[in-house]
Amino acid sequence: MKWLTLLLPLFLLSCSDKKEINTTFLPPEPGKTENTDKLPNSENPALTSWISYYKKSNPEFAEEKFAFINTSPITYYPSNVKVMNEPGFKEIYKPFFVFNRSQNQYLDFDSYQWKVAADGSASFEADQEVVLVDYKNKKKQRIAFFGPSYFIEEAYWQGDSVAVLLGNSYEKVPFMMKYNFQNKTVENWQYPDTLNFDIPYSKVRLQKFGVKTE
């Protein structure tokens, strides 16, 4: 697959302020196709579940096959999502938050993207926001924003200051984003091939908690 084909959807995201987009994947620079950093592997149940799901229909799918793309600075923006337990917060989202080891921060990539109707079915927005929440201080910051071509399906923490986002795309090309909040950087990794599947992991994840997606 050519890099241009993969990059185009990202620049056509349907958001009103393109300067908020800080998730751009760039092709490796000449002579820099290899990286000494290792993939974010921590034997985490969320990572294992995500890999295992796609491996059922794609036997070759494996974490170690993801290729390093680049490292970029983390850019923070304001967010309007409700912090857990503050007035107006909807309890339906609580089981989906991904907490760090100390339980004082969590990632929210659900409450901006979908809402639940009276019959328990989810209705989805075209865009998705990933929010870092400082639960102790009730502070929230957007760390990523995606249009319909890219979406985050799962996430986990490595300790208190490193978080990994596991994503997929309209073209069925998975990717990983490793955020180091101490260093204020994010590493981008991408799978070198397309996957075969009928239902994305993102919908299966919601179904596990009783949310209807069809």
C-alpha atoms as a PDB file:
ATOM      1  CA  MET A   1       0.000   0.000   0.000  1.00  0.00           C
ATOM      2  CA  LYS A   2       1.359   3.415  -0.886  1.00  0.00           C
ATOM      3  CA  TRP A   3       1.845   5.942   1.901  1.00  0.00           C
ATOM      4  CA  LEU A   4      -0.076   8.587  -0.020  1.00  0.00           C
ATOM      5  CA  THR A   5      -3.183   6.421  -0.125  1.00  0.00           C
ATOM      6  CA  LEU A   6      -2.988   5.902   3.614  1.00  0.00           C
ATOM      7  CA  LEU A   7      -2.347   9.540   4.441  1.00  0.00           C
ATOM      8  CA  LEU A   8      -5.078  11.155   2.367  1.00  0.00           C
ATOM      9  CA  PRO A   9      -8.020  10.289   4.636  1.00  0.00           C
ATOM     10  CA  LEU A  10      -6.278  11.895   7.589  1.00  0.00           C
ATOM     11  CA  PHE A  11      -6.063  15.249   5.847  1.00  0.00           C
ATOM     12  CA  LEU A  12      -9.748  15.071   4.920  1.00  0.00           C
ATOM     13  CA  LEU A  13     -11.025  14.692   8.483  1.00  0.00           C
ATOM     14  CA  SER A  14     -14.411  16.268   9.061  1.00  0.00           C
ATOM     15  CA  CYS A  15     -13.600  18.621  11.913  1.00  0.00           C
ATOM     16  CA  SER A  16     -14.104  22.349  11.924  1.00  0.00           C
ATOM     17  CA  ASP A  17     -10.614  23.308  13.130  1.00  0.00           C
ATOM     18  CA  LYS A  18      -7.863  21.406  11.354  1.00  0.00           C
ATOM     19  CA  LYS A  19      -5.207  22.846  13.641  1.00  0.00           C
ATOM     20  CA  GLU A  20      -6.578  20.627  16.418  1.00  0.00           C
ATOM     21  CA  ILE A  21      -5.454  17.513  14.591  1.00  0.00           C
ATOM     22  CA  ASN A  22      -2.234  16.187  16.076  1.00  0.00           C
ATOM     23  CA  THR A  23      -2.367  12.584  14.954  1.00  0.00           C
ATOM     24  CA  THR A  24      -0.749  12.772  11.531  1.00  0.00           C
ATOM     25  CA  PHE A  25       1.239   9.758  10.383  1.00  0.00           C
ATOM     26  CA  LEU A  26       4.242  10.554   8.248  1.00  0.00           C
ATOM     27  CA  PRO A  27       6.338   8.139   6.177  1.00  0.00           C
ATOM     28  CA  PRO A  28       9.772   7.335   7.631  1.00  0.00           C
ATOM     29  CA  GLU A  29      12.550   9.671   6.548  1.00  0.00           C
ATOM     30  CA  PRO A  30      15.112   8.208   4.149  1.00  0.00           C
ATOM     31  CA  GLY A  31      17.683   6.265   6.090  1.00  0.00           C
ATOM     32  CA  LYS A  32      15.496   6.232   9.200  1.00  0.00           C
ATOM     33  CA  THR A  33      13.186   3.316   8.536  1.00  0.00           C
ATOM     34  CA  GLU A  34      14.329   1.510  11.660  1.00  0.00           C
ATOM     35  CA  ASN A  35      13.967   2.573  15.266  1.00  0.00           C
ATOM     36  CA  THR A  36      15.762   1.264  18.324  1.00  0.00           C
ATOM     37  CA  ASP A  37      12.696   1.616  20.546  1.00  0.00           C
ATOM     38  CA  LYS A  38      10.665  -1.484  21.170  1.00  0.00           C
ATOM     39  CA  LEU A  39       6.945  -1.753  20.764  1.00  0.00           C
ATOM     40  CA  PRO A  40       4.802  -0.982  23.831  1.00  0.00           C
ATOM     41  CA  ASN A  41       4.396  -4.526  25.142  1.00  0.00           C
ATOM     42  CA  SER A  42       3.385  -5.040  28.756  1.00  0.00           C
ATOM     43  CA  GLU A  43       1.346  -8.256  28.759  1.00  0.00           C
ATOM     44  CA  ASN A  44      -1.693  -6.068  29.272  1.00  0.00           C
ATOM     45  CA  PRO A  45      -5.156  -7.696  29.051  1.00  0.00           C
ATOM     46  CA  ALA A  46      -6.481  -4.896  26.815  1.00  0.00           C
ATOM     47  CA  LEU A  47      -3.616  -5.300  24.362  1.00  0.00           C
ATOM     48  CA  THR A  48      -3.925  -9.093  24.446  1.00  0.00           C
ATOM     49  CA  SER A  49      -7.676  -8.900  23.795  1.00  0.00           C
ATOM     50  CA  TRP A  50      -7.216  -6.518  20.844  1.00  0.00           C
ATOM     51  CA  ILE A  51      -4.442  -8.584  19.246  1.00  0.00           C
ATOM     52  CA  SER A  52      -6.292 -11.864  19.826  1.00  0.00           C
ATOM     53  CA  TYR A  53      -9.512 -10.623  18.277  1.00  0.00           C
ATOM     54  CA  TYR A  54      -7.942  -9.682  14.959  1.00  0.00           C
ATOM     55  CA  LYS A  55      -5.637 -12.662  14.994  1.00  0.00           C
ATOM     56  CA  LYS A  56      -8.653 -14.978  14.652  1.00  0.00           C
ATOM     57  CA  SER A  57      -9.207 -13.864  11.057  1.00  0.00           C
ATOM     58  CA  ASN A  58      -5.629 -12.695  10.448  1.00  0.00           C
ATOM     59  CA  PRO A  59      -3.246 -15.391  11.760  1.00  0.00           C
ATOM     60  CA  GLU A  60      -0.164 -13.318  10.910  1.00  0.00           C
ATOM     61  CA  PHE A  61      -1.299 -10.321  12.938  1.00  0.00           C
ATOM     62  CA  ALA A  62       1.182  -9.633  15.746  1.00  0.00           C
ATOM     63  CA  GLU A  63       2.359  -6.687  17.793  1.00  0.00           C
ATOM     64  CA  GLU A  64       5.993  -7.066  16.793  1.00  0.00           C
ATOM     65  CA  LYS A  65       5.081  -6.467  13.125  1.00  0.00           C
ATOM     66  CA  PHE A  66       4.075  -2.851  13.735  1.00  0.00           C
ATOM     67  CA  ALA A  67       6.539  -0.424  12.157  1.00  0.00           C
ATOM     68  CA  PHE A  68       7.756   2.734  13.857  1.00  0.00           C
ATOM     69  CA  ILE A  69       6.689   5.845  11.911  1.00  0.00           C
ATOM     70  CA  ASN A  70       7.738   8.908  13.886  1.00  0.00           C
ATOM     71  CA  THR A  71       7.811  10.733  17.203  1.00  0.00           C
ATOM     72  CA  SER A  72       5.995  14.019  17.653  1.00  0.00           C
ATOM     73  CA  PRO A  73       5.232  16.386  20.540  1.00  0.00           C
ATOM     74  CA  ILE A  74       1.974  15.979  22.420  1.00  0.00           C
ATOM     75  CA  THR A  75      -0.410  18.848  21.777  1.00  0.00           C
ATOM     76  CA  TYR A  76      -3.113  19.609  24.328  1.00  0.00           C
ATOM     77  CA  TYR A  77      -6.460  21.283  23.652  1.00  0.00           C
ATOM     78  CA  PRO A  78      -9.521  22.078  25.775  1.00  0.00           C
ATOM     79  CA  SER A  79     -12.283  19.494  25.991  1.00  0.00           C
ATOM     80  CA  ASN A  80     -15.966  19.734  26.857  1.00  0.00           C
ATOM     81  CA  VAL A  81     -16.462  16.138  28.011  1.00  0.00           C
ATOM     82  CA  LYS A  82     -17.716  15.645  31.562  1.00  0.00           C
ATOM     83  CA  VAL A  83     -15.274  14.381  34.181  1.00  0.00           C
ATOM     84  CA  MET A  84     -16.431  11.308  36.077  1.00  0.00           C
ATOM     85  CA  ASN A  85     -18.872  12.107  38.919  1.00  0.00           C
ATOM     86  CA  GLU A  86     -19.140  15.823  38.123  1.00  0.00           C
ATOM     87  CA  PRO A  87     -22.623  17.305  37.472  1.00  0.00           C
ATOM     88  CA  GLY A  88     -23.974  16.168  34.119  1.00  0.00           C
ATOM     89  CA  PHE A  89     -21.741  13.103  33.896  1.00  0.00           C
ATOM     90  CA  LYS A  90     -23.452  10.037  32.404  1.00  0.00           C
ATOM     91  CA  GLU A  91     -22.708   6.793  34.244  1.00  0.00           C
ATOM     92  CA  ILE A  92     -22.917   4.733  31.034  1.00  0.00           C
ATOM     93  CA  TYR A  93     -19.361   5.786  30.163  1.00  0.00           C
ATOM     94  CA  LYS A  94     -17.760   4.901  33.498  1.00  0.00           C
ATOM     95  CA  PRO A  95     -16.875   1.243  32.696  1.00  0.00           C
ATOM     96  CA  PHE A  96     -15.037   2.328  29.549  1.00  0.00           C
ATOM     97  CA  PHE A  97     -12.534   4.706  31.146  1.00  0.00           C
ATOM     98  CA  VAL A  98      -8.920   3.497  31.179  1.00  0.00           C
ATOM     99  CA  PHE A  99      -7.150   4.384  34.446  1.00  0.00           C
ATOM    100  CA  ASN A 100      -3.453   4.605  35.141  1.00  0.00           C
ATOM    101  CA  ARG A 101      -1.801   2.570  37.888  1.00  0.00           C
ATOM    102  CA  SER A 102      -2.405   5.168  40.611  1.00  0.00           C
ATOM    103  CA  GLN A 103      -6.048   5.615  39.578  1.00  0.00           C
ATOM    104  CA  ASN A 104      -5.645   9.401  39.496  1.00  0.00           C
ATOM    105  CA  GLN A 105      -5.749   9.795  35.698  1.00  0.00           C
ATOM    106  CA  TYR A 106      -7.793   8.130  32.994  1.00  0.00           C
ATOM    107  CA  LEU A 107      -8.310   8.135  29.240  1.00  0.00           C
ATOM    108  CA  ASP A 108     -11.744   8.796  27.793  1.00  0.00           C
ATOM    109  CA  PHE A 109     -12.227   8.034  24.098  1.00  0.00           C
ATOM    110  CA  ASP A 110     -15.922   7.153  24.302  1.00  0.00           C
ATOM    111  CA  SER A 111     -18.082   9.958  25.702  1.00  0.00           C
ATOM    112  CA  TYR A 112     -17.468  12.321  22.764  1.00  0.00           C
ATOM    113  CA  GLN A 113     -18.037   9.644  20.119  1.00  0.00           C
ATOM    114  CA  TRP A 114     -21.274   7.884  21.051  1.00  0.00           C
ATOM    115  CA  LYS A 115     -24.511   8.222  22.991  1.00  0.00           C
ATOM    116  CA  VAL A 116     -27.020   5.589  24.076  1.00  0.00           C
ATOM    117  CA  ALA A 117     -30.710   5.696  23.204  1.00  0.00           C
ATOM    118  CA  ALA A 118     -33.515   4.467  25.447  1.00  0.00           C
ATOM    119  CA  ASP A 119     -33.405   1.011  23.848  1.00  0.00           C
ATOM    120  CA  GLY A 120     -29.723   0.614  24.747  1.00  0.00           C
ATOM    121  CA  SER A 121     -28.385   1.139  21.232  1.00  0.00           C
ATOM    122  CA  ALA A 122     -25.471   3.456  20.517  1.00  0.00           C
ATOM    123  CA  SER A 123     -25.558   6.288  18.018  1.00  0.00           C
ATOM    124  CA  PHE A 124     -22.162   7.398  16.781  1.00  0.00           C
ATOM    125  CA  GLU A 125     -20.664  10.748  15.870  1.00  0.00           C
ATOM    126  CA  ALA A 126     -18.406  10.954  12.822  1.00  0.00           C
ATOM    127  CA  ASP A 127     -15.491  12.205  14.917  1.00  0.00           C
ATOM    128  CA  GLN A 128     -13.721  10.903  17.991  1.00  0.00           C
ATOM    129  CA  GLU A 129     -11.920  12.775  20.756  1.00  0.00           C
ATOM    130  CA  VAL A 130      -9.344  11.235  23.095  1.00  0.00           C
ATOM    131  CA  VAL A 131      -9.207  13.005  26.445  1.00  0.00           C
ATOM    132  CA  LEU A 132      -6.675  12.761  29.259  1.00  0.00           C
ATOM    133  CA  VAL A 133      -8.437  13.368  32.576  1.00  0.00           C
ATOM    134  CA  ASP A 134      -6.696  14.322  35.808  1.00  0.00           C
ATOM    135  CA  TYR A 135      -9.388  12.866  38.027  1.00  0.00           C
ATOM    136  CA  LYS A 136      -7.967  14.195  41.292  1.00  0.00           C
ATOM    137  CA  ASN A 137      -7.962  17.799  40.085  1.00  0.00           C
ATOM    138  CA  LYS A 138     -10.959  17.447  37.739  1.00  0.00           C
ATOM    139  CA  LYS A 139      -8.861  18.625  34.801  1.00  0.00           C
ATOM    140  CA  LYS A 140      -9.414  17.431  31.222  1.00  0.00           C
ATOM    141  CA  GLN A 141      -7.366  17.891  28.059  1.00  0.00           C
ATOM    142  CA  ARG A 142      -7.816  16.652  24.517  1.00  0.00           C
ATOM    143  CA  ILE A 143      -4.727  14.770  23.327  1.00  0.00           C
ATOM    144  CA  ALA A 144      -6.019  13.489  19.968  1.00  0.00           C
ATOM    145  CA  PHE A 145      -8.873  14.031  17.538  1.00  0.00           C
ATOM    146  CA  PHE A 146      -9.924  11.774  14.667  1.00  0.00           C
ATOM    147  CA  GLY A 147     -12.360  12.032  11.795  1.00  0.00           C
ATOM    148  CA  PRO A 148     -14.271   9.041  10.410  1.00  0.00           C
ATOM    149  CA  SER A 149     -11.236   7.526   8.681  1.00  0.00           C
ATOM    150  CA  TYR A 150      -9.394   6.686  11.914  1.00  0.00           C
ATOM    151  CA  PHE A 151     -10.629   5.549  15.323  1.00  0.00           C
ATOM    152  CA  ILE A 152      -9.269   4.365  18.660  1.00  0.00           C
ATOM    153  CA  GLU A 153     -10.526   0.943  19.723  1.00  0.00           C
ATOM    154  CA  GLU A 154      -8.678   0.218  22.964  1.00  0.00           C
ATOM    155  CA  ALA A 155      -6.086   1.696  25.325  1.00  0.00           C
ATOM    156  CA  TYR A 156      -3.925   0.799  28.308  1.00  0.00           C
ATOM    157  CA  TRP A 157      -1.313   2.324  30.606  1.00  0.00           C
ATOM    158  CA  GLN A 158       2.260   1.423  31.347  1.00  0.00           C
ATOM    159  CA  GLY A 159       2.510   2.694  34.897  1.00  0.00           C
ATOM    160  CA  ASP A 160       1.376   6.258  35.602  1.00  0.00           C
ATOM    161  CA  SER A 161       2.848   8.365  32.824  1.00  0.00           C
ATOM    162  CA  VAL A 162       2.810   6.259  29.632  1.00  0.00           C
ATOM    163  CA  ALA A 163      -0.398   5.379  27.795  1.00  0.00           C
ATOM    164  CA  VAL A 164      -0.893   3.422  24.573  1.00  0.00           C
ATOM    165  CA  LEU A 165      -3.781   3.921  22.151  1.00  0.00           C
ATOM    166  CA  LEU A 166      -4.714   1.031  19.867  1.00  0.00           C
ATOM    167  CA  GLY A 167      -6.482   2.111  16.702  1.00  0.00           C
ATOM    168  CA  ASN A 168      -7.807   1.074  13.347  1.00  0.00           C
ATOM    169  CA  SER A 169      -8.764   2.819  10.129  1.00  0.00           C
ATOM    170  CA  TYR A 170     -11.372   2.892   7.401  1.00  0.00           C
ATOM    171  CA  GLU A 171      -8.861   1.037   5.242  1.00  0.00           C
ATOM    172  CA  LYS A 172      -8.483  -1.614   7.989  1.00  0.00           C
ATOM    173  CA  VAL A 173      -4.878  -0.711   8.757  1.00  0.00           C
ATOM    174  CA  PRO A 174      -4.247  -0.822  12.551  1.00  0.00           C
ATOM    175  CA  PHE A 175      -1.975   1.609  14.360  1.00  0.00           C
ATOM    176  CA  MET A 176      -0.589   2.311  17.838  1.00  0.00           C
ATOM    177  CA  MET A 177       0.192   5.598  19.556  1.00  0.00           C
ATOM    178  CA  LYS A 178       2.418   5.586  22.641  1.00  0.00           C
ATOM    179  CA  TYR A 179       2.069   8.721  24.785  1.00  0.00           C
ATOM    180  CA  ASN A 180       4.820   9.597  27.244  1.00  0.00           C
ATOM    181  CA  PHE A 181       3.351  12.388  29.352  1.00  0.00           C
ATOM    182  CA  GLN A 182       6.594  13.005  31.214  1.00  0.00           C
ATOM    183  CA  ASN A 183       8.584  13.508  28.016  1.00  0.00           C
ATOM    184  CA  LYS A 184       5.601  15.173  26.288  1.00  0.00           C
ATOM    185  CA  THR A 185       6.029  13.003  23.192  1.00  0.00           C
ATOM    186  CA  VAL A 186       3.952  10.494  21.263  1.00  0.00           C
ATOM    187  CA  GLU A 187       5.366   7.625  19.189  1.00  0.00           C
ATOM    188  CA  ASN A 188       3.372   6.500  16.141  1.00  0.00           C
ATOM    189  CA  TRP A 189       3.448   2.878  14.992  1.00  0.00           C
ATOM    190  CA  GLN A 190       1.577   1.299  12.085  1.00  0.00           C
ATOM    191  CA  TYR A 191       0.807  -2.178  10.832  1.00  0.00           C
ATOM    192  CA  PRO A 192       2.279  -2.802   7.347  1.00  0.00           C
ATOM    193  CA  ASP A 193      -0.791  -4.505   5.890  1.00  0.00           C
ATOM    194  CA  THR A 194      -4.586  -4.447   5.841  1.00  0.00           C
ATOM    195  CA  LEU A 195      -6.691  -6.785   7.969  1.00  0.00           C
ATOM    196  CA  ASN A 196      -9.671  -8.954   7.095  1.00  0.00           C
ATOM    197  CA  PHE A 197     -12.685  -8.633   9.421  1.00  0.00           C
ATOM    198  CA  ASP A 198     -16.420  -8.031   9.343  1.00  0.00           C
ATOM    199  CA  ILE A 199     -16.988  -6.364  12.718  1.00  0.00           C
ATOM    200  CA  PRO A 200     -14.348  -4.014  14.149  1.00  0.00           C
ATOM    201  CA  TYR A 201     -13.070  -4.578  17.672  1.00  0.00           C
ATOM    202  CA  SER A 202     -14.467  -1.189  18.707  1.00  0.00           C
ATOM    203  CA  LYS A 203     -18.035  -2.492  18.400  1.00  0.00           C
ATOM    204  CA  VAL A 204     -17.221  -5.793  20.104  1.00  0.00           C
ATOM    205  CA  ARG A 205     -15.773  -3.834  23.028  1.00  0.00           C
ATOM    206  CA  LEU A 206     -19.044  -1.941  23.486  1.00  0.00           C
ATOM    207  CA  GLN A 207     -21.114  -5.098  23.150  1.00  0.00           C
ATOM    208  CA  LYS A 208     -19.223  -6.683  26.056  1.00  0.00           C
ATOM    209  CA  PHE A 209     -20.734  -4.012  28.288  1.00  0.00           C
ATOM    210  CA  GLY A 210     -24.251  -4.473  26.961  1.00  0.00           C
ATOM    211  CA  VAL A 211     -24.264  -1.571  24.492  1.00  0.00           C
ATOM    212  CA  LYS A 212     -26.037  -2.377  21.220  1.00  0.00           C
ATOM    213  CA  THR A 213     -24.089  -1.316  18.153  1.00  0.00           C
ATOM    214  CA  GLU A 214     -26.411  -2.447  15.346  1.00  0.00           C
END
